[in-house]
């Protein structure tokens, strides 16, 4: 777990995935 947190790439990938999933959910509910 510490190894994953130490990698900025992993943090950015997880954050991007969460933001994309939220964005898709919002767009899905609006359309």
PDB file of N, CA and C in Angstrom:
ATOM      1  N   UNK A   1       0.841  -1.201   0.000  1.00  0.00           N
ATOM      2  CA  UNK A   1       0.000   0.000   0.000  1.00  0.00           C
ATOM      3  C   UNK A   1       0.878   1.254   0.000  1.00  0.00           C
ATOM      4  N   UNK A   2       1.931   1.232   0.819  1.00  0.00           N
ATOM      5  CA  UNK A   2       2.828   2.387   0.881  1.00  0.00           C
ATOM      6  C   UNK A   2       3.535   2.597  -0.451  1.00  0.00           C
ATOM      7  N   UNK A   3       3.850   1.503  -1.142  1.00  0.00           N
ATOM      8  CA  UNK A   3       4.531   1.620  -2.424  1.00  0.00           C
ATOM      9  C   UNK A   3       3.640   2.312  -3.449  1.00  0.00           C
ATOM     10  N   UNK A   4       2.340   1.984  -3.426  1.00  0.00           N
ATOM     11  CA  UNK A   4       1.400   2.588  -4.370  1.00  0.00           C
ATOM     12  C   UNK A   4       1.229   4.070  -4.067  1.00  0.00           C
ATOM     13  N   UNK A   5       1.172   4.404  -2.774  1.00  0.00           N
ATOM     14  CA  UNK A   5       0.980   5.806  -2.389  1.00  0.00           C
ATOM     15  C   UNK A   5       2.209   6.643  -2.705  1.00  0.00           C
ATOM     16  N   UNK A   6       3.368   6.009  -2.742  1.00  0.00           N
ATOM     17  CA  UNK A   6       4.597   6.749  -3.004  1.00  0.00           C
ATOM     18  C   UNK A   6       4.737   7.099  -4.479  1.00  0.00           C
ATOM     19  N   UNK A   7       3.932   6.471  -5.311  1.00  0.00           N
ATOM     20  CA  UNK A   7       4.018   6.743  -6.743  1.00  0.00           C
ATOM     21  C   UNK A   7       2.971   7.775  -7.143  1.00  0.00           C
ATOM     22  N   UNK A   8       3.433   8.918  -7.638  1.00  0.00           N
ATOM     23  CA  UNK A   8       2.499   9.961  -8.055  1.00  0.00           C
ATOM     24  C   UNK A   8       1.632   9.483  -9.209  1.00  0.00           C
ATOM     25  N   UNK A   9       2.198   8.625 -10.054  1.00  0.00           N
ATOM     26  CA  UNK A   9       1.435   8.115 -11.193  1.00  0.00           C
ATOM     27  C   UNK A   9       0.215   7.341 -10.722  1.00  0.00           C
ATOM     28  N   UNK A  10       0.377   6.526  -9.699  1.00  0.00           N
ATOM     29  CA  UNK A  10      -0.742   5.740  -9.180  1.00  0.00           C
ATOM     30  C   UNK A  10      -1.801   6.661  -8.604  1.00  0.00           C
ATOM     31  N   UNK A  11      -1.376   7.693  -7.871  1.00  0.00           N
ATOM     32  CA  UNK A  11      -2.320   8.638  -7.277  1.00  0.00           C
ATOM     33  C   UNK A  11      -3.096   9.355  -8.371  1.00  0.00           C
ATOM     34  N   UNK A  12      -2.397   9.803  -9.406  1.00  0.00           N
ATOM     35  CA  UNK A  12      -3.060  10.509 -10.504  1.00  0.00           C
ATOM     36  C   UNK A  12      -4.011   9.585 -11.247  1.00  0.00           C
ATOM     37  N   UNK A  13      -3.612   8.331 -11.434  1.00  0.00           N
ATOM     38  CA  UNK A  13      -4.454   7.374 -12.150  1.00  0.00           C
ATOM     39  C   UNK A  13      -5.737   7.110 -11.365  1.00  0.00           C
ATOM     40  N   UNK A  14      -5.616   6.911 -10.056  1.00  0.00           N
ATOM     41  CA  UNK A  14      -6.796   6.652  -9.224  1.00  0.00           C
ATOM     42  C   UNK A  14      -7.701   7.875  -9.191  1.00  0.00           C
ATOM     43  N   UNK A  15      -7.112   9.052  -9.037  1.00  0.00           N
ATOM     44  CA  UNK A  15      -7.896  10.287  -8.984  1.00  0.00           C
ATOM     45  C   UNK A  15      -8.620  10.515 -10.306  1.00  0.00           C
ATOM     46  N   UNK A  16      -7.919  10.292 -11.407  1.00  0.00           N
ATOM     47  CA  UNK A  16      -8.522  10.473 -12.726  1.00  0.00           C
ATOM     48  C   UNK A  16      -9.675   9.499 -12.913  1.00  0.00           C
ATOM     49  N   UNK A  17      -9.492   8.253 -12.481  1.00  0.00           N
ATOM     50  CA  UNK A  17     -10.545   7.245 -12.616  1.00  0.00           C
ATOM     51  C   UNK A  17     -11.782   7.624 -11.823  1.00  0.00           C
ATOM     52  N   UNK A  18     -11.581   8.129 -10.611  1.00  0.00           N
ATOM     53  CA  UNK A  18     -12.709   8.531  -9.767  1.00  0.00           C
ATOM     54  C   UNK A  18     -13.443   9.717 -10.385  1.00  0.00           C
ATOM     55  N   UNK A  19     -12.681  10.702 -10.869  1.00  0.00           N
ATOM     56  CA  UNK A  19     -13.299  11.887 -11.472  1.00  0.00           C
ATOM     57  C   UNK A  19     -14.086  11.507 -12.718  1.00  0.00           C
ATOM     58  N   UNK A  20     -13.531  10.624 -13.537  1.00  0.00           N
ATOM     59  CA  UNK A  20     -14.211  10.197 -14.764  1.00  0.00           C
ATOM     60  C   UNK A  20     -15.486   9.445 -14.432  1.00  0.00           C
ATOM     61  N   UNK A  21     -15.428   8.572 -13.426  1.00  0.00           N
ATOM     62  CA  UNK A  21     -16.615   7.799 -13.045  1.00  0.00           C
ATOM     63  C   UNK A  21     -17.717   8.723 -12.537  1.00  0.00           C
ATOM     64  N   UNK A  22     -17.334   9.729 -11.750  1.00  0.00           N
ATOM     65  CA  UNK A  22     -18.319  10.689 -11.236  1.00  0.00           C
ATOM     66  C   UNK A  22     -18.903  11.506 -12.391  1.00  0.00           C
ATOM     67  N   UNK A  23     -18.047  11.949 -13.294  1.00  0.00           N
ATOM     68  CA  UNK A  23     -18.498  12.753 -14.433  1.00  0.00           C
ATOM     69  C   UNK A  23     -19.478  11.950 -15.285  1.00  0.00           C
ATOM     70  N   UNK A  24     -19.159  10.681 -15.545  1.00  0.00           N
ATOM     71  CA  UNK A  24     -20.046   9.832 -16.342  1.00  0.00           C
ATOM     72  C   UNK A  24     -21.375   9.646 -15.629  1.00  0.00           C
ATOM     73  N   UNK A  25     -21.344   9.494 -14.335  1.00  0.00           N
ATOM     74  CA  UNK A  25     -22.575   9.315 -13.562  1.00  0.00           C
ATOM     75  C   UNK A  25     -23.453  10.552 -13.637  1.00  0.00           C
ATOM     76  N   UNK A  26     -22.852  11.725 -13.522  1.00  0.00           N
ATOM     77  CA  UNK A  26     -23.615  12.982 -13.582  1.00  0.00           C
ATOM     78  C   UNK A  26     -24.207  13.177 -14.972  1.00  0.00           C
ATOM     79  N   UNK A  27     -23.396  12.957 -15.993  1.00  0.00           N
ATOM     80  CA  UNK A  27     -23.869  13.122 -17.369  1.00  0.00           C
ATOM     81  C   UNK A  27     -24.978  12.120 -17.665  1.00  0.00           C
ATOM     82  N   UNK A  28     -24.838  10.910 -17.131  1.00  0.00           N
ATOM     83  CA  UNK A  28     -25.848   9.879 -17.357  1.00  0.00           C
ATOM     84  C   UNK A  28     -27.185  10.255 -16.750  1.00  0.00           C
ATOM     85  N   UNK A  29     -27.154  10.892 -15.594  1.00  0.00           N
ATOM     86  CA  UNK A  29     -28.402  11.265 -14.925  1.00  0.00           C
ATOM     87  C   UNK A  29     -29.043  12.478 -15.596  1.00  0.00           C
ATOM     88  N   UNK A  30     -28.223  13.360 -16.159  1.00  0.00           N
ATOM     89  CA  UNK A  30     -28.758  14.574 -16.792  1.00  0.00           C
ATOM     90  C   UNK A  30     -29.377  14.272 -18.151  1.00  0.00           C
ATOM     91  N   UNK A  31     -28.778  13.339 -18.881  1.00  0.00           N
ATOM     92  CA  UNK A  31     -29.271  13.051 -20.229  1.00  0.00           C
ATOM     93  C   UNK A  31     -30.460  12.106 -20.194  1.00  0.00           C
TER      94      UNK A  31
END
